[in-house]
Amino acid sequence: MDRHGYRGYIGSRAYFGQRAPQHVQNLVIRDYCQRNGFTYLLSATEYAMEDCFMILEDVINEALKLEGVVFYTLNMLPRDKARRYEICSAFLDAGCTIHGAVENACAKSLEEYENLENLWSVRRLSEQADTIIQQLAATPEFLS
């Protein structure tokens, strides 16, 4: 089967409290593709409902025809680790590479996917840092 191009993936939700207009997301993806010599295919746009990945499922179904998928940010992937793995392995098993434009990161194999998981874990920890610091500061042992 002939593979052609890299499908962008954008959305209108906030991801880890960050929201970017769709036209900006497309510009970031297009720039990423140009810098890497990729043929950019128009982006698939996810529905706004929280935890909805219906459009991403459509992109997975298209994976055998694609060289790769370029997420505006890897933070668009599900928060649930098992679901994230399921989606990423579906792309990789189909021979489709995974890219995060904001992170300037990619995975071409399940081994490389683990590096993306590490980025995800760091992001989750940084998101929780303020809460953890506040909880520690509220404990008497921390103050002594």
N, C-alpha and C. Protein backbone atom coordinates (compact mmCIF):
# COMPACT_ATOMS: atom_id res chain seq x y z
N MET A 1 0.85 -1.19 0.00
CA MET A 1 0.00 0.00 0.00
C MET A 1 0.89 1.25 0.00
N ASP A 2 0.49 2.20 -0.77
CA ASP A 2 1.24 3.45 -0.90
C ASP A 2 0.88 4.40 0.24
N ARG A 3 1.89 4.83 0.99
CA ARG A 3 1.68 5.78 2.09
C ARG A 3 2.01 7.18 1.60
N HIS A 4 1.21 8.13 2.06
CA HIS A 4 1.47 9.50 1.63
C HIS A 4 1.10 10.50 2.72
N GLY A 5 2.09 11.23 3.19
CA GLY A 5 1.87 12.39 4.03
C GLY A 5 1.68 12.15 5.51
N TYR A 6 1.61 13.29 6.20
CA TYR A 6 1.47 13.33 7.65
C TYR A 6 0.21 14.11 8.00
N ARG A 7 -0.72 13.41 8.65
CA ARG A 7 -2.00 14.02 9.03
C ARG A 7 -1.82 14.80 10.32
N GLY A 8 -2.24 16.06 10.32
CA GLY A 8 -2.25 16.85 11.54
C GLY A 8 -3.44 16.46 12.41
N TYR A 9 -3.34 16.74 13.69
CA TYR A 9 -4.44 16.47 14.63
C TYR A 9 -4.51 17.64 15.60
N ILE A 10 -5.64 18.35 15.56
CA ILE A 10 -5.84 19.53 16.41
C ILE A 10 -7.15 19.40 17.17
N GLY A 11 -7.39 20.33 18.09
CA GLY A 11 -8.64 20.31 18.86
C GLY A 11 -8.97 21.69 19.40
N SER A 12 -10.11 21.76 20.05
CA SER A 12 -10.55 23.05 20.60
C SER A 12 -10.61 23.03 22.12
N ARG A 13 -10.22 21.91 22.74
CA ARG A 13 -10.21 21.83 24.20
C ARG A 13 -8.93 22.43 24.76
N ALA A 14 -8.95 22.66 26.06
CA ALA A 14 -7.72 23.03 26.77
C ALA A 14 -6.99 21.73 27.13
N TYR A 15 -5.68 21.75 27.00
CA TYR A 15 -4.86 20.59 27.34
C TYR A 15 -3.89 21.03 28.41
N PHE A 16 -4.04 20.44 29.61
CA PHE A 16 -3.24 20.83 30.77
C PHE A 16 -3.35 22.34 31.01
N GLY A 17 -4.56 22.85 30.85
CA GLY A 17 -4.81 24.26 31.12
C GLY A 17 -4.38 25.20 30.01
N GLN A 18 -3.85 24.67 28.93
CA GLN A 18 -3.38 25.48 27.80
C GLN A 18 -4.37 25.35 26.64
N ARG A 19 -4.72 26.47 26.05
CA ARG A 19 -5.62 26.46 24.90
C ARG A 19 -5.01 27.32 23.80
N ALA A 20 -4.99 26.80 22.58
CA ALA A 20 -4.48 27.55 21.43
C ALA A 20 -5.56 27.54 20.35
N PRO A 21 -5.77 28.67 19.68
CA PRO A 21 -6.74 28.69 18.57
C PRO A 21 -6.35 27.66 17.51
N GLN A 22 -7.35 27.13 16.82
CA GLN A 22 -7.09 26.08 15.84
C GLN A 22 -6.17 26.55 14.72
N HIS A 23 -6.30 27.80 14.30
CA HIS A 23 -5.42 28.26 13.21
C HIS A 23 -3.96 28.31 13.68
N VAL A 24 -3.74 28.60 14.95
CA VAL A 24 -2.38 28.59 15.50
C VAL A 24 -1.86 27.16 15.57
N GLN A 25 -2.71 26.23 15.99
CA GLN A 25 -2.30 24.83 16.04
C GLN A 25 -1.88 24.35 14.65
N ASN A 26 -2.66 24.72 13.64
CA ASN A 26 -2.32 24.33 12.26
C ASN A 26 -1.00 24.95 11.81
N LEU A 27 -0.75 26.20 12.19
CA LEU A 27 0.52 26.84 11.83
C LEU A 27 1.71 26.11 12.46
N VAL A 28 1.56 25.73 13.72
CA VAL A 28 2.64 25.01 14.42
C VAL A 28 2.90 23.67 13.75
N ILE A 29 1.83 22.95 13.40
CA ILE A 29 1.99 21.65 12.74
C ILE A 29 2.61 21.83 11.35
N ARG A 30 2.15 22.80 10.60
CA ARG A 30 2.69 23.03 9.26
C ARG A 30 4.18 23.37 9.34
N ASP A 31 4.56 24.21 10.30
CA ASP A 31 5.97 24.56 10.47
C ASP A 31 6.79 23.32 10.83
N TYR A 32 6.27 22.49 11.73
CA TYR A 32 6.96 21.25 12.12
C TYR A 32 7.19 20.37 10.89
N CYS A 33 6.14 20.23 10.07
CA CYS A 33 6.26 19.40 8.87
C CYS A 33 7.27 19.98 7.89
N GLN A 34 7.27 21.28 7.70
CA GLN A 34 8.23 21.91 6.78
C GLN A 34 9.66 21.71 7.27
N ARG A 35 9.89 21.90 8.57
CA ARG A 35 11.25 21.74 9.13
C ARG A 35 11.77 20.31 8.99
N ASN A 36 10.83 19.35 8.96
CA ASN A 36 11.23 17.94 8.88
C ASN A 36 11.09 17.35 7.48
N GLY A 37 10.71 18.19 6.50
CA GLY A 37 10.59 17.71 5.13
C GLY A 37 9.40 16.79 4.90
N PHE A 38 8.35 16.94 5.71
CA PHE A 38 7.16 16.10 5.59
C PHE A 38 6.12 16.75 4.68
N THR A 39 5.36 15.93 3.99
CA THR A 39 4.19 16.40 3.25
C THR A 39 3.05 16.52 4.25
N TYR A 40 2.59 17.75 4.46
CA TYR A 40 1.54 18.03 5.46
C TYR A 40 0.17 17.83 4.84
N LEU A 41 -0.63 17.01 5.48
CA LEU A 41 -2.02 16.83 5.09
C LEU A 41 -2.89 17.62 6.05
N LEU A 42 -3.99 18.14 5.58
CA LEU A 42 -4.87 18.94 6.43
C LEU A 42 -5.16 18.22 7.74
N SER A 43 -5.30 18.99 8.79
CA SER A 43 -5.50 18.42 10.13
C SER A 43 -6.91 17.91 10.32
N ALA A 44 -7.00 16.83 11.07
CA ALA A 44 -8.27 16.34 11.58
C ALA A 44 -8.55 17.11 12.86
N THR A 45 -9.77 17.56 13.05
CA THR A 45 -10.12 18.40 14.20
C THR A 45 -11.05 17.62 15.13
N GLU A 46 -10.57 17.40 16.36
CA GLU A 46 -11.34 16.63 17.35
C GLU A 46 -12.53 17.43 17.85
N TYR A 47 -13.58 16.70 18.23
CA TYR A 47 -14.75 17.32 18.85
C TYR A 47 -14.37 17.92 20.19
N ALA A 48 -15.15 18.89 20.65
CA ALA A 48 -14.81 19.64 21.86
C ALA A 48 -15.13 18.90 23.16
N MET A 49 -15.95 17.86 23.11
CA MET A 49 -16.34 17.17 24.35
C MET A 49 -15.11 16.58 25.05
N GLU A 50 -15.11 16.70 26.37
CA GLU A 50 -14.01 16.18 27.19
C GLU A 50 -13.86 14.67 26.98
N ASP A 51 -12.64 14.21 26.88
CA ASP A 51 -12.31 12.79 26.71
C ASP A 51 -12.94 12.17 25.47
N CYS A 52 -13.20 12.96 24.45
CA CYS A 52 -13.73 12.47 23.18
C CYS A 52 -12.57 12.30 22.21
N PHE A 53 -12.48 11.13 21.60
CA PHE A 53 -11.41 10.83 20.65
C PHE A 53 -11.97 10.19 19.38
N MET A 54 -13.19 10.55 19.03
CA MET A 54 -13.85 9.97 17.85
C MET A 54 -13.09 10.29 16.56
N ILE A 55 -12.66 11.52 16.42
CA ILE A 55 -11.93 11.90 15.21
C ILE A 55 -10.56 11.23 15.18
N LEU A 56 -9.93 11.12 16.34
CA LEU A 56 -8.64 10.42 16.40
C LEU A 56 -8.81 8.96 15.98
N GLU A 57 -9.92 8.35 16.34
CA GLU A 57 -10.21 6.97 15.90
C GLU A 57 -10.28 6.91 14.38
N ASP A 58 -10.88 7.94 13.76
CA ASP A 58 -10.92 7.99 12.29
C ASP A 58 -9.51 8.07 11.71
N VAL A 59 -8.64 8.84 12.36
CA VAL A 59 -7.25 8.96 11.89
C VAL A 59 -6.54 7.62 12.04
N ILE A 60 -6.81 6.89 13.12
CA ILE A 60 -6.23 5.55 13.30
C ILE A 60 -6.66 4.65 12.15
N ASN A 61 -7.94 4.73 11.77
CA ASN A 61 -8.44 3.91 10.66
C ASN A 61 -7.76 4.27 9.33
N GLU A 62 -7.23 5.46 9.23
CA GLU A 62 -6.55 5.94 8.03
C GLU A 62 -5.04 5.65 8.08
N ALA A 63 -4.55 5.14 9.19
CA ALA A 63 -3.11 5.03 9.45
C ALA A 63 -2.34 4.24 8.39
N LEU A 64 -2.94 3.23 7.81
CA LEU A 64 -2.23 2.43 6.81
C LEU A 64 -1.90 3.23 5.55
N LYS A 65 -2.60 4.35 5.36
CA LYS A 65 -2.37 5.20 4.18
C LYS A 65 -1.41 6.35 4.49
N LEU A 66 -1.08 6.54 5.78
CA LEU A 66 -0.29 7.69 6.21
C LEU A 66 1.15 7.29 6.54
N GLU A 67 2.05 8.26 6.41
CA GLU A 67 3.41 8.07 6.90
C GLU A 67 3.47 8.36 8.40
N GLY A 68 2.64 9.30 8.85
CA GLY A 68 2.64 9.65 10.26
C GLY A 68 1.49 10.56 10.62
N VAL A 69 1.34 10.76 11.93
CA VAL A 69 0.35 11.69 12.47
C VAL A 69 1.11 12.70 13.32
N VAL A 70 0.74 13.99 13.17
CA VAL A 70 1.40 15.05 13.92
C VAL A 70 0.37 15.71 14.82
N PHE A 71 0.48 15.44 16.12
CA PHE A 71 -0.37 16.08 17.11
C PHE A 71 0.14 17.50 17.32
N TYR A 72 -0.77 18.44 17.51
CA TYR A 72 -0.33 19.79 17.89
C TYR A 72 0.55 19.67 19.13
N THR A 73 0.04 18.94 20.13
CA THR A 73 0.81 18.64 21.33
C THR A 73 0.48 17.22 21.76
N LEU A 74 1.45 16.53 22.31
CA LEU A 74 1.21 15.18 22.81
C LEU A 74 0.24 15.18 23.99
N ASN A 75 0.04 16.36 24.59
CA ASN A 75 -0.91 16.47 25.69
C ASN A 75 -2.35 16.25 25.23
N MET A 76 -2.57 16.15 23.92
CA MET A 76 -3.90 15.89 23.39
C MET A 76 -4.29 14.42 23.56
N LEU A 77 -3.30 13.58 23.79
CA LEU A 77 -3.58 12.15 23.99
C LEU A 77 -4.34 11.95 25.30
N PRO A 78 -5.05 10.83 25.44
CA PRO A 78 -5.81 10.58 26.67
C PRO A 78 -4.93 10.61 27.92
N ARG A 79 -5.53 11.05 29.02
CA ARG A 79 -4.80 11.06 30.30
C ARG A 79 -4.57 9.64 30.82
N ASP A 80 -5.46 8.73 30.47
CA ASP A 80 -5.35 7.34 30.90
C ASP A 80 -4.20 6.65 30.15
N LYS A 81 -3.22 6.16 30.89
CA LYS A 81 -2.01 5.59 30.30
C LYS A 81 -2.32 4.40 29.39
N ALA A 82 -3.22 3.51 29.81
CA ALA A 82 -3.55 2.34 29.00
C ALA A 82 -4.21 2.76 27.69
N ARG A 83 -5.09 3.73 27.74
CA ARG A 83 -5.76 4.22 26.52
C ARG A 83 -4.75 4.92 25.61
N ARG A 84 -3.83 5.68 26.19
CA ARG A 84 -2.78 6.35 25.42
C ARG A 84 -1.92 5.31 24.68
N TYR A 85 -1.55 4.26 25.40
CA TYR A 85 -0.75 3.19 24.80
C TYR A 85 -1.52 2.51 23.67
N GLU A 86 -2.79 2.25 23.90
CA GLU A 86 -3.63 1.60 22.89
C GLU A 86 -3.65 2.42 21.59
N ILE A 87 -3.82 3.72 21.72
CA ILE A 87 -3.87 4.60 20.55
C ILE A 87 -2.51 4.65 19.86
N CYS A 88 -1.46 4.87 20.62
CA CYS A 88 -0.13 5.00 20.02
C CYS A 88 0.33 3.69 19.40
N SER A 89 0.06 2.58 20.05
CA SER A 89 0.48 1.30 19.47
C SER A 89 -0.32 0.98 18.21
N ALA A 90 -1.58 1.43 18.12
CA ALA A 90 -2.35 1.23 16.89
C ALA A 90 -1.68 1.95 15.72
N PHE A 91 -1.24 3.19 15.95
CA PHE A 91 -0.52 3.92 14.90
C PHE A 91 0.78 3.22 14.54
N LEU A 92 1.57 2.90 15.56
CA LEU A 92 2.89 2.31 15.32
C LEU A 92 2.77 0.93 14.67
N ASP A 93 1.81 0.12 15.10
CA ASP A 93 1.60 -1.20 14.50
C ASP A 93 1.22 -1.09 13.02
N ALA A 94 0.57 0.01 12.66
CA ALA A 94 0.19 0.25 11.27
C ALA A 94 1.35 0.84 10.46
N GLY A 95 2.50 1.04 11.10
CA GLY A 95 3.66 1.60 10.41
C GLY A 95 3.64 3.11 10.28
N CYS A 96 2.86 3.73 11.13
CA CYS A 96 2.65 5.18 11.11
C CYS A 96 3.43 5.79 12.28
N THR A 97 4.24 6.82 12.01
CA THR A 97 4.99 7.46 13.09
C THR A 97 4.13 8.47 13.83
N ILE A 98 4.51 8.76 15.08
CA ILE A 98 3.77 9.68 15.95
C ILE A 98 4.66 10.88 16.25
N HIS A 99 4.08 12.08 16.12
CA HIS A 99 4.86 13.30 16.34
C HIS A 99 4.08 14.27 17.22
N GLY A 100 4.81 14.98 18.07
CA GLY A 100 4.25 16.09 18.83
C GLY A 100 4.94 17.36 18.36
N ALA A 101 4.20 18.27 17.73
CA ALA A 101 4.81 19.47 17.14
C ALA A 101 5.35 20.40 18.22
N VAL A 102 4.58 20.66 19.26
CA VAL A 102 5.03 21.57 20.32
C VAL A 102 6.27 21.01 21.02
N GLU A 103 6.26 19.72 21.27
CA GLU A 103 7.38 19.08 21.97
C GLU A 103 8.57 18.80 21.06
N ASN A 104 8.36 18.90 19.73
CA ASN A 104 9.39 18.55 18.75
C ASN A 104 9.91 17.14 19.02
N ALA A 105 8.96 16.21 19.17
CA ALA A 105 9.31 14.84 19.53
C ALA A 105 8.58 13.87 18.61
N CYS A 106 9.19 12.69 18.42
CA CYS A 106 8.52 11.68 17.60
C CYS A 106 8.86 10.29 18.11
N ALA A 107 8.03 9.34 17.69
CA ALA A 107 8.26 7.93 17.98
C ALA A 107 8.00 7.14 16.71
N LYS A 108 8.97 6.28 16.39
CA LYS A 108 8.84 5.41 15.22
C LYS A 108 8.68 3.96 15.63
N SER A 109 8.77 3.70 16.95
CA SER A 109 8.66 2.34 17.47
C SER A 109 8.10 2.40 18.89
N LEU A 110 7.72 1.24 19.41
CA LEU A 110 7.21 1.19 20.79
C LEU A 110 8.31 1.58 21.78
N GLU A 111 9.56 1.26 21.45
CA GLU A 111 10.67 1.65 22.33
C GLU A 111 10.78 3.18 22.40
N GLU A 112 10.68 3.82 21.25
CA GLU A 112 10.73 5.29 21.22
C GLU A 112 9.48 5.90 21.86
N TYR A 113 8.38 5.18 21.80
CA TYR A 113 7.15 5.65 22.44
C TYR A 113 7.37 5.84 23.94
N GLU A 114 8.20 5.01 24.55
CA GLU A 114 8.48 5.14 25.99
C GLU A 114 9.07 6.51 26.31
N ASN A 115 9.85 7.07 25.39
CA ASN A 115 10.38 8.43 25.60
C ASN A 115 9.24 9.45 25.64
N LEU A 116 8.23 9.25 24.79
CA LEU A 116 7.07 10.14 24.82
C LEU A 116 6.32 9.99 26.14
N GLU A 117 6.24 8.76 26.64
CA GLU A 117 5.59 8.52 27.94
C GLU A 117 6.33 9.26 29.04
N ASN A 118 7.66 9.30 28.96
CA ASN A 118 8.44 10.03 29.96
C ASN A 118 8.11 11.52 29.91
N LEU A 119 7.97 12.09 28.72
CA LEU A 119 7.55 13.49 28.60
C LEU A 119 6.19 13.70 29.25
N TRP A 120 5.29 12.76 29.00
CA TRP A 120 3.95 12.84 29.58
C TRP A 120 4.02 12.82 31.11
N SER A 121 4.84 11.93 31.66
CA SER A 121 4.96 11.82 33.12
C SER A 121 5.52 13.09 33.74
N VAL A 122 6.51 13.69 33.11
CA VAL A 122 7.08 14.94 33.61
C VAL A 122 6.01 16.03 33.60
N ARG A 123 5.23 16.08 32.54
CA ARG A 123 4.16 17.08 32.44
C ARG A 123 3.14 16.89 33.56
N ARG A 124 2.76 15.64 33.82
CA ARG A 124 1.79 15.35 34.89
C ARG A 124 2.34 15.77 36.24
N LEU A 125 3.61 15.48 36.49
CA LEU A 125 4.22 15.86 37.77
C LEU A 125 4.28 17.37 37.92
N SER A 126 4.63 18.07 36.86
CA SER A 126 4.69 19.53 36.95
C SER A 126 3.30 20.13 37.17
N GLU A 127 2.28 19.49 36.61
CA GLU A 127 0.91 19.93 36.82
C GLU A 127 0.51 19.79 38.28
N GLN A 128 1.02 18.76 38.93
CA GLN A 128 0.65 18.47 40.31
C GLN A 128 1.58 19.12 41.33
N ALA A 129 2.65 19.74 40.89
CA ALA A 129 3.67 20.26 41.81
C ALA A 129 3.11 21.28 42.79
N ASP A 130 2.32 22.24 42.33
CA ASP A 130 1.77 23.26 43.23
C ASP A 130 0.91 22.64 44.32
N THR A 131 0.09 21.67 43.95
CA THR A 131 -0.77 21.00 44.93
C THR A 131 0.06 20.26 45.96
N ILE A 132 1.09 19.56 45.50
CA ILE A 132 1.95 18.80 46.41
C ILE A 132 2.67 19.75 47.37
N ILE A 133 3.19 20.86 46.86
CA ILE A 133 3.89 21.84 47.71
C ILE A 133 2.94 22.41 48.75
N GLN A 134 1.72 22.73 48.36
CA GLN A 134 0.74 23.26 49.31
C GLN A 134 0.41 22.23 50.39
N GLN A 135 0.28 20.97 49.99
CA GLN A 135 -0.01 19.92 50.97
C GLN A 135 1.15 19.74 51.93
N LEU A 136 2.36 19.75 51.42
CA LEU A 136 3.54 19.62 52.28
C LEU A 136 3.65 20.81 53.24
N ALA A 137 3.41 22.00 52.73
CA ALA A 137 3.51 23.20 53.56
C ALA A 137 2.47 23.21 54.68
N ALA A 138 1.37 22.52 54.47
CA ALA A 138 0.30 22.49 55.47
C ALA A 138 0.55 21.45 56.57
N THR A 139 1.55 20.59 56.39
CA THR A 139 1.81 19.57 57.41
C THR A 139 2.79 20.11 58.44
N PRO A 140 2.52 19.86 59.72
CA PRO A 140 3.38 20.38 60.80
C PRO A 140 4.83 19.90 60.68
N GLU A 141 5.04 18.66 60.23
CA GLU A 141 6.40 18.13 60.12
C GLU A 141 7.23 18.92 59.11
N PHE A 142 6.59 19.44 58.08
CA PHE A 142 7.28 20.19 57.04
C PHE A 142 7.80 21.52 57.58
N LEU A 143 7.03 22.12 58.49
CA LEU A 143 7.39 23.43 59.02
C LEU A 143 8.48 23.36 60.08
N SER A 144 8.70 22.20 60.69
CA SER A 144 9.69 22.13 61.77
C SER A 144 11.06 21.74 61.29
